[in-house]
Amino acid sequence: MSLPLRMLILPASLLLLGSGCQTGWDDRPVDDDDDSTFPTDDDDSTFPTDDDDATSDDDDATSDDDDSTSDDDDATSDDDDATSDDDDDSGDDDDATSDDDDATGDDDDSTPNPNDGDGDGYEGPFGDNSDCDDLDAAVNPGAVEDPSNSVDDDCDGDIDEAGSIDDIVPADGIAAGGTLVTVEGEGFLAITAATLGTTSITPGSVTDTSFTFVSPGGPVGDEDLEIITSFETLTFADAFTYTGTSTSIDSAELIGPATTSGAFGAAQGPYTASVTEAGTTGTGSAPSGIIAQVGYGTQGQLPTTWPDYFFDDATWSMSDGGSDVFSASVTPHTYGTWMVVFRFSDDSGYNWLYADTNAATALDALELGQATVTPPSP
């Protein structure tokens, strides 16, 4: 007797088990792209093409640098690592373009400054630079004042102020020249030429209110300073005196002290010196016609040949026999050791006799006083 057909049908799961086959297709390599066998490594562009391993050596030819390191060494220009060396050819920070829009604040692109309405480089009151007319690029603190246009061109609060020469420091120097002179006044940004006496000078460190020049040298006596600007000619009569050596004063001697020291800005001394001139000194009162000054200058240099000594007036103290004694302190303008010297003139400051500690011999740098400005303790 035959059985029903349904009794001969076995479950599919039993058939599969009986055949010895696995439950899924597995005709692929056991290893993926994390090993050094097939595929040979993760540097090729063949299967597998996605560098998804756990290492940080993204050296393939693709541009998806998605590892966790900062060494973006693919072939594209999208520098998306964690470092700051963005040297691609885009316009964002540190490239060759001029639109440096990083977070450091040095934005040197051409974006207009909202506080500089006229683009003259000076911000207006909201800046504040301060440009007094931020709609006119010709008006700003760096402009030259035109004394004839009814405009405050340089934003100093004065309209059409005329140029002027107000002061010259120092007012004298040795005839050999070389003294650094500062001129103070107004309207110097418009200078086109300048002369001391008949000799041209070159203005330096020019601002609207000051400039410097180096004395060119000349005969003992006074020289006029003339400045030609774009608008006017300014003259300061007898502005600078070239000095020489006195032959009419008998003698002068630096009494002391030999050395002093002090902090920056502190006066040192007083230094004292005596002067002798027959018929003039030793009368018991300040000698008529005698000018006395104390000064300091560069160590090892003599004031008769070195142009940059700095002098101030000294005060009469007393008569001592046939001589008169003067005293004054010095305040050197910076740190270091400076030579200290006295000088005396009996012809209104054109010729001077310089005093060291030995009146019997010629002026000697080793016989000058010394003032030392000591730096503060660390």
Protein backbone atom coordinates (compact mmCIF):
# COMPACT_ATOMS: atom_id res chain seq x y z
CA MET A 1 0.00 0.00 0.00
CA SER A 2 1.50 3.40 -0.91
CA LEU A 3 1.88 6.27 1.57
CA PRO A 4 0.47 9.70 0.93
CA LEU A 5 2.79 12.04 -0.91
CA ARG A 6 2.90 14.52 1.97
CA MET A 7 4.58 12.03 4.20
CA LEU A 8 7.62 11.91 1.89
CA ILE A 9 8.36 15.66 2.09
CA LEU A 10 11.01 16.54 4.70
CA PRO A 11 11.52 19.98 6.25
CA ALA A 12 13.94 22.15 4.32
CA SER A 13 16.09 22.64 7.41
CA LEU A 14 16.71 18.91 7.62
CA LEU A 15 17.67 18.75 3.99
CA LEU A 16 20.22 21.51 4.42
CA LEU A 17 21.73 19.88 7.47
CA GLY A 18 21.97 16.65 5.70
CA SER A 19 23.81 18.18 2.80
CA GLY A 20 26.59 19.58 5.03
CA CYS A 21 26.25 23.17 3.62
CA GLN A 22 26.57 26.34 5.72
CA THR A 23 23.66 28.69 6.28
CA GLY A 24 25.01 31.48 4.07
CA TRP A 25 27.38 32.11 1.10
CA ASP A 26 31.00 32.52 2.24
CA ASP A 27 33.06 32.50 -0.90
CA ARG A 28 35.15 35.63 0.18
CA PRO A 29 38.47 36.05 1.96
CA VAL A 30 38.34 35.72 5.70
CA ASP A 31 40.39 38.92 6.21
CA ASP A 32 39.18 42.42 5.40
CA ASP A 33 41.33 45.50 4.91
CA ASP A 34 42.82 45.42 8.40
CA ASP A 35 45.60 42.94 7.69
CA SER A 36 48.75 42.87 5.62
CA THR A 37 47.67 39.93 3.41
CA PHE A 38 45.11 39.95 0.64
CA PRO A 39 44.10 42.54 0.04
CA THR A 40 47.80 43.42 0.34
CA ASP A 41 47.17 46.53 2.47
CA ASP A 42 44.98 49.60 2.58
CA ASP A 43 47.10 51.63 0.16
CA ASP A 44 45.55 50.49 -3.10
CA SER A 45 42.55 51.79 -4.95
CA THR A 46 41.10 48.30 -5.56
CA PHE A 47 38.86 46.19 -3.38
CA PRO A 48 38.25 47.19 -0.73
CA THR A 49 38.31 50.92 -1.61
CA ASP A 50 37.09 52.25 1.73
CA ASP A 51 39.85 52.72 4.27
CA ASP A 52 37.78 51.98 7.33
CA ASP A 53 40.34 50.28 9.48
CA ALA A 54 41.31 51.38 12.96
CA THR A 55 44.76 52.59 12.06
CA SER A 56 45.64 56.21 11.38
CA ASP A 57 47.65 55.81 8.17
CA ASP A 58 45.25 57.16 5.58
CA ASP A 59 47.61 56.86 2.63
CA ASP A 60 45.19 55.91 -0.11
CA ALA A 61 44.46 57.92 -3.22
CA THR A 62 41.03 58.99 -2.15
CA SER A 63 40.25 62.35 -0.61
CA ASP A 64 38.20 61.22 2.39
CA ASP A 65 40.69 61.83 5.17
CA ASP A 66 38.47 60.61 7.96
CA ASP A 67 40.96 59.10 10.34
CA SER A 68 41.57 60.50 13.81
CA THR A 69 45.05 61.87 13.23
CA SER A 70 46.05 65.32 12.06
CA ASP A 71 48.25 64.26 9.15
CA ASP A 72 46.11 65.10 6.16
CA ASP A 73 48.34 63.75 3.44
CA ASP A 74 45.90 62.93 0.69
CA ALA A 75 46.14 64.44 -2.75
CA THR A 76 43.31 66.91 -2.41
CA SER A 77 43.46 70.47 -1.17
CA ASP A 78 40.88 70.18 1.59
CA ASP A 79 43.13 70.54 4.60
CA ASP A 80 40.68 69.35 7.21
CA ASP A 81 43.07 68.13 9.86
CA ALA A 82 43.42 69.53 13.36
CA THR A 83 46.57 71.54 12.72
CA SER A 84 46.75 75.19 11.68
CA ASP A 85 48.93 74.80 8.60
CA ASP A 86 46.17 75.50 6.12
CA ASP A 87 48.25 75.88 2.99
CA ASP A 88 45.77 74.98 0.29
CA ASP A 89 44.81 77.31 -2.52
CA SER A 90 41.48 78.35 -1.07
CA GLY A 91 40.81 81.69 0.54
CA ASP A 92 40.70 80.72 4.17
CA ASP A 93 43.60 81.76 6.42
CA ASP A 94 47.33 81.38 5.70
CA ASP A 95 47.07 80.70 2.00
CA ALA A 96 48.61 82.81 -0.71
CA THR A 97 45.60 85.06 -1.00
CA SER A 98 45.25 88.34 0.89
CA ASP A 99 41.96 87.66 2.68
CA ASP A 100 43.37 86.63 6.04
CA ASP A 101 40.14 86.14 7.95
CA ASP A 102 41.42 84.07 10.83
CA ALA A 103 40.73 84.64 14.50
CA THR A 104 43.99 86.42 15.31
CA GLY A 105 42.65 89.87 14.47
CA ASP A 106 45.15 90.70 11.74
CA ASP A 107 42.54 90.99 9.04
CA ASP A 108 44.51 92.33 6.11
CA ASP A 109 41.97 91.83 3.39
CA SER A 110 40.30 94.59 1.45
CA THR A 111 37.10 94.56 3.46
CA PRO A 112 36.22 98.18 4.35
CA ASN A 113 36.66 99.21 7.97
CA PRO A 114 33.23 100.31 9.16
CA ASN A 115 34.87 102.86 11.49
CA ASP A 116 36.88 104.45 8.66
CA GLY A 117 34.23 106.01 6.49
CA ASP A 118 36.56 107.75 4.04
CA GLY A 119 39.15 104.96 3.81
CA ASP A 120 42.09 107.20 4.73
CA GLY A 121 43.44 104.80 7.35
CA TYR A 122 42.18 106.83 10.33
CA GLU A 123 39.05 105.80 12.19
CA GLY A 124 36.43 108.33 13.17
CA PRO A 125 35.16 109.10 16.67
CA PHE A 126 33.64 105.64 17.03
CA GLY A 127 37.11 104.17 16.34
CA ASP A 128 38.74 106.24 17.87
CA ASN A 129 41.87 107.31 15.95
CA SER A 130 40.42 110.17 15.74
CA ASP A 131 39.51 111.43 12.29
CA CYS A 132 37.59 114.67 12.76
CA ASP A 133 35.98 114.39 9.30
CA ASP A 134 35.53 110.76 8.38
CA LEU A 135 33.87 111.65 5.08
CA ASP A 136 36.90 113.49 3.68
CA ALA A 137 40.04 111.42 3.11
CA ALA A 138 42.15 114.60 2.96
CA VAL A 139 41.31 115.42 6.58
CA ASN A 140 42.87 113.25 9.31
CA PRO A 141 45.45 113.43 12.13
CA GLY A 142 48.26 112.68 9.68
CA ALA A 143 47.36 115.36 7.15
CA VAL A 144 49.35 118.51 6.46
CA GLU A 145 47.66 121.67 7.73
CA ASP A 146 46.94 124.15 4.95
CA PRO A 147 46.87 127.59 6.64
CA SER A 148 44.61 129.07 3.97
CA ASN A 149 41.62 126.75 3.42
CA SER A 150 39.50 127.29 6.57
CA VAL A 151 39.72 123.58 7.41
CA ASP A 152 41.25 121.79 10.39
CA ASP A 153 43.19 119.49 8.07
CA ASP A 154 45.21 117.72 10.77
CA CYS A 155 42.39 117.39 13.33
CA ASP A 156 44.31 119.13 16.11
CA GLY A 157 41.44 121.47 16.99
CA ASP A 158 42.96 124.54 15.30
CA ILE A 159 41.87 125.82 11.90
CA ASP A 160 44.46 127.30 9.54
CA GLU A 161 47.17 127.67 12.19
CA ALA A 162 50.35 129.10 10.70
CA GLY A 163 53.61 127.22 10.90
CA SER A 164 56.11 128.25 13.57
CA ILE A 165 59.54 127.50 15.06
CA ASP A 166 59.19 127.66 18.83
CA ASP A 167 62.29 126.06 20.37
CA ILE A 168 65.63 124.44 19.51
CA VAL A 169 67.37 121.98 21.87
CA PRO A 170 70.27 122.17 22.37
CA ALA A 171 70.88 125.70 21.18
CA ASP A 172 74.63 125.23 20.73
CA GLY A 173 77.24 122.69 19.76
CA ILE A 174 80.90 122.41 18.88
CA ALA A 175 82.07 124.07 15.67
CA ALA A 176 83.06 120.69 14.25
CA GLY A 177 79.37 119.79 13.98
CA GLY A 178 77.64 116.50 14.70
CA THR A 179 75.26 117.72 17.42
CA LEU A 180 71.79 116.15 17.29
CA VAL A 181 69.30 119.02 17.48
CA THR A 182 65.54 118.89 18.05
CA VAL A 183 63.31 121.64 16.65
CA GLU A 184 59.83 122.17 18.08
CA GLY A 185 57.00 124.17 16.56
CA GLU A 186 54.12 123.69 14.10
CA GLY A 187 53.54 122.78 10.46
CA PHE A 188 56.64 120.65 9.89
CA LEU A 189 54.91 117.91 7.86
CA ALA A 190 54.90 120.37 4.95
CA ILE A 191 58.70 120.93 4.98
CA THR A 192 60.29 120.91 1.54
CA ALA A 193 63.74 122.30 2.45
CA ALA A 194 65.73 123.55 5.45
CA THR A 195 69.03 125.33 6.05
CA LEU A 196 71.20 126.20 9.06
CA GLY A 197 73.09 129.32 8.10
CA THR A 198 73.94 128.72 4.46
CA THR A 199 74.19 124.92 4.78
CA SER A 200 71.35 122.60 3.86
CA ILE A 201 70.20 120.24 6.59
CA THR A 202 68.13 117.07 6.36
CA PRO A 203 65.12 116.94 8.71
CA GLY A 204 64.58 113.58 10.42
CA SER A 205 61.88 112.05 12.62
CA VAL A 206 59.45 114.63 11.22
CA THR A 207 56.05 115.15 12.83
CA ASP A 208 53.70 118.10 12.61
CA THR A 209 55.25 119.61 15.75
CA SER A 210 58.92 118.54 15.74
CA PHE A 211 61.85 117.27 13.73
CA THR A 212 65.56 116.62 14.28
CA PHE A 213 68.73 117.41 12.36
CA VAL A 214 72.47 116.99 12.82
CA SER A 215 74.45 120.22 12.90
CA PRO A 216 76.72 120.33 9.84
CA GLY A 217 79.46 122.42 11.48
CA GLY A 218 80.56 125.98 10.92
CA PRO A 219 82.53 128.93 12.27
CA VAL A 220 82.07 130.00 15.91
CA GLY A 221 78.99 132.17 16.07
CA ASP A 222 75.22 132.21 15.56
CA GLU A 223 73.36 130.69 12.62
CA ASP A 224 69.77 131.27 11.48
CA LEU A 225 67.45 128.33 10.90
CA GLU A 226 65.22 128.60 7.82
CA ILE A 227 62.45 126.15 6.95
CA ILE A 228 60.60 126.21 3.65
CA THR A 229 57.21 124.48 3.62
CA SER A 230 54.58 123.96 0.95
CA PHE A 231 52.83 127.10 2.18
CA GLU A 232 55.37 129.47 3.77
CA THR A 233 58.96 130.17 4.83
CA LEU A 234 59.76 130.06 8.55
CA THR A 235 62.86 131.72 10.01
CA PHE A 236 64.39 131.52 13.50
CA ALA A 237 67.16 134.12 13.86
CA ASP A 238 70.34 133.14 15.73
CA ALA A 239 68.83 129.70 16.28
CA PHE A 240 72.03 127.76 16.88
CA THR A 241 75.48 128.72 18.14
CA TYR A 242 78.72 127.05 17.11
CA THR A 243 81.13 127.13 20.04
CA GLY A 244 84.92 127.23 20.42
CA THR A 245 87.55 127.21 23.17
CA SER A 246 88.11 130.22 25.44
CA THR A 247 91.55 131.76 25.69
CA SER A 248 90.63 134.68 27.97
CA ILE A 249 89.76 132.74 31.16
CA ASP A 250 92.86 131.98 33.23
CA SER A 251 91.93 128.59 34.68
CA ALA A 252 89.10 126.29 35.79
CA GLU A 253 89.10 123.18 37.94
CA LEU A 254 86.56 120.46 38.78
CA ILE A 255 86.57 120.15 42.58
CA GLY A 256 84.37 117.08 42.88
CA PRO A 257 82.98 114.67 43.68
CA ALA A 258 84.98 112.25 41.58
CA THR A 259 82.10 109.78 41.24
CA THR A 260 78.40 109.59 42.03
CA SER A 261 75.67 107.03 41.44
CA GLY A 262 71.89 106.98 41.63
CA ALA A 263 68.66 105.62 40.23
CA PHE A 264 67.24 106.66 36.89
CA GLY A 265 65.68 110.12 37.09
CA ALA A 266 67.53 111.07 40.29
CA ALA A 267 69.80 114.13 40.38
CA GLN A 268 73.43 113.34 41.23
CA GLY A 269 75.80 115.72 42.95
CA PRO A 270 76.04 118.54 43.44
CA TYR A 271 79.30 118.83 41.51
CA THR A 272 81.43 121.89 42.17
CA ALA A 273 84.12 123.70 40.20
CA SER A 274 86.13 126.90 40.46
CA VAL A 275 87.01 129.48 37.82
CA THR A 276 89.71 132.15 37.88
CA GLU A 277 89.94 135.25 35.71
CA ALA A 278 92.04 138.18 36.85
CA GLY A 279 90.01 141.30 37.55
CA THR A 280 86.69 139.42 37.34
CA THR A 281 86.55 136.62 39.90
CA GLY A 282 87.14 136.59 43.65
CA THR A 283 85.12 139.72 44.48
CA GLY A 284 82.80 138.09 47.00
CA SER A 285 79.84 138.04 44.66
CA ALA A 286 78.87 136.30 41.43
CA PRO A 287 81.35 137.42 38.77
CA SER A 288 79.89 139.67 36.12
CA GLY A 289 79.89 138.19 32.65
CA ILE A 290 80.87 134.65 33.66
CA ILE A 291 78.55 131.80 32.62
CA ALA A 292 79.03 128.47 34.35
CA GLN A 293 77.52 125.17 33.27
CA VAL A 294 77.81 121.49 34.24
CA GLY A 295 77.29 118.72 31.72
CA TYR A 296 77.52 114.99 31.12
CA GLY A 297 78.43 112.97 28.07
CA THR A 298 79.60 109.65 26.71
CA GLN A 299 82.20 107.81 28.77
CA GLY A 300 85.77 108.32 27.52
CA GLN A 301 84.85 111.27 25.26
CA LEU A 302 85.89 114.91 25.62
CA PRO A 303 83.34 117.72 25.25
CA THR A 304 85.69 119.67 22.98
CA THR A 305 85.54 116.97 20.31
CA TRP A 306 82.42 114.92 21.12
CA PRO A 307 79.21 116.68 20.00
CA ASP A 308 76.63 115.14 22.31
CA TYR A 309 77.25 116.52 25.78
CA PHE A 310 74.24 117.78 27.71
CA PHE A 311 74.72 121.00 29.68
CA ASP A 312 72.70 122.93 32.29
CA ASP A 313 73.45 126.18 34.10
CA ALA A 314 75.32 126.07 37.40
CA THR A 315 74.82 128.37 40.38
CA TRP A 316 77.43 130.61 42.02
CA SER A 317 78.27 129.43 45.55
CA MET A 318 81.04 131.66 46.89
CA SER A 319 84.34 133.35 46.25
CA ASP A 320 87.48 131.51 47.27
CA GLY A 321 90.49 133.78 47.17
CA GLY A 322 90.80 135.00 43.61
CA SER A 323 88.42 132.36 42.29
CA ASP A 324 84.69 131.77 42.32
CA VAL A 325 83.00 128.45 43.02
CA PHE A 326 79.90 127.20 41.20
CA SER A 327 77.80 124.07 41.79
CA ALA A 328 75.10 122.04 40.07
CA SER A 329 73.77 118.49 39.84
CA VAL A 330 73.36 116.29 36.78
CA THR A 331 70.48 113.97 35.87
CA PRO A 332 71.59 111.63 33.08
CA HIS A 333 68.79 110.67 30.73
CA THR A 334 69.47 106.92 30.66
CA TYR A 335 71.37 104.10 32.37
CA GLY A 336 75.14 103.78 32.32
CA THR A 337 78.23 105.69 33.43
CA TRP A 338 78.67 109.24 32.12
CA MET A 339 81.56 111.70 32.15
CA VAL A 340 80.87 114.92 34.12
CA VAL A 341 82.52 118.24 33.26
CA PHE A 342 82.19 121.94 34.07
CA ARG A 343 82.63 124.74 31.55
CA PHE A 344 82.93 128.52 31.81
CA SER A 345 82.47 131.33 29.28
CA ASP A 346 83.10 135.07 29.51
CA ASP A 347 81.80 136.00 26.03
CA SER A 348 78.10 135.02 26.24
CA GLY A 349 78.66 131.37 25.48
CA TYR A 350 80.60 131.46 22.21
CA ASN A 351 83.87 130.14 23.68
CA TRP A 352 84.27 127.89 26.72
CA LEU A 353 87.01 126.71 29.07
CA TYR A 354 86.34 123.14 30.24
CA ALA A 355 87.34 122.00 33.73
CA ASP A 356 88.66 118.63 34.89
CA THR A 357 90.25 117.78 38.26
CA ASN A 358 93.69 119.09 37.25
CA ALA A 359 93.78 122.71 36.18
CA ALA A 360 97.51 122.55 35.46
CA THR A 361 97.22 120.11 32.56
CA ALA A 362 95.23 119.81 29.38
CA LEU A 363 91.68 118.48 29.50
CA ASP A 364 91.81 114.73 30.10
CA ALA A 365 88.93 112.21 30.03
CA LEU A 366 90.58 110.32 32.89
CA GLU A 367 90.31 113.44 35.08
CA LEU A 368 86.60 114.10 34.55
CA GLY A 369 83.92 113.21 37.08
CA GLN A 370 81.73 110.15 36.62
CA ALA A 371 77.99 109.74 37.26
CA THR A 372 76.49 106.25 37.10
CA VAL A 373 72.78 105.57 36.66
CA THR A 374 72.07 102.18 38.19
CA PRO A 375 69.28 99.94 36.87
CA PRO A 376 66.62 98.73 39.30
CA SER A 377 67.17 95.43 41.11
CA PRO A 378 65.53 92.45 39.38
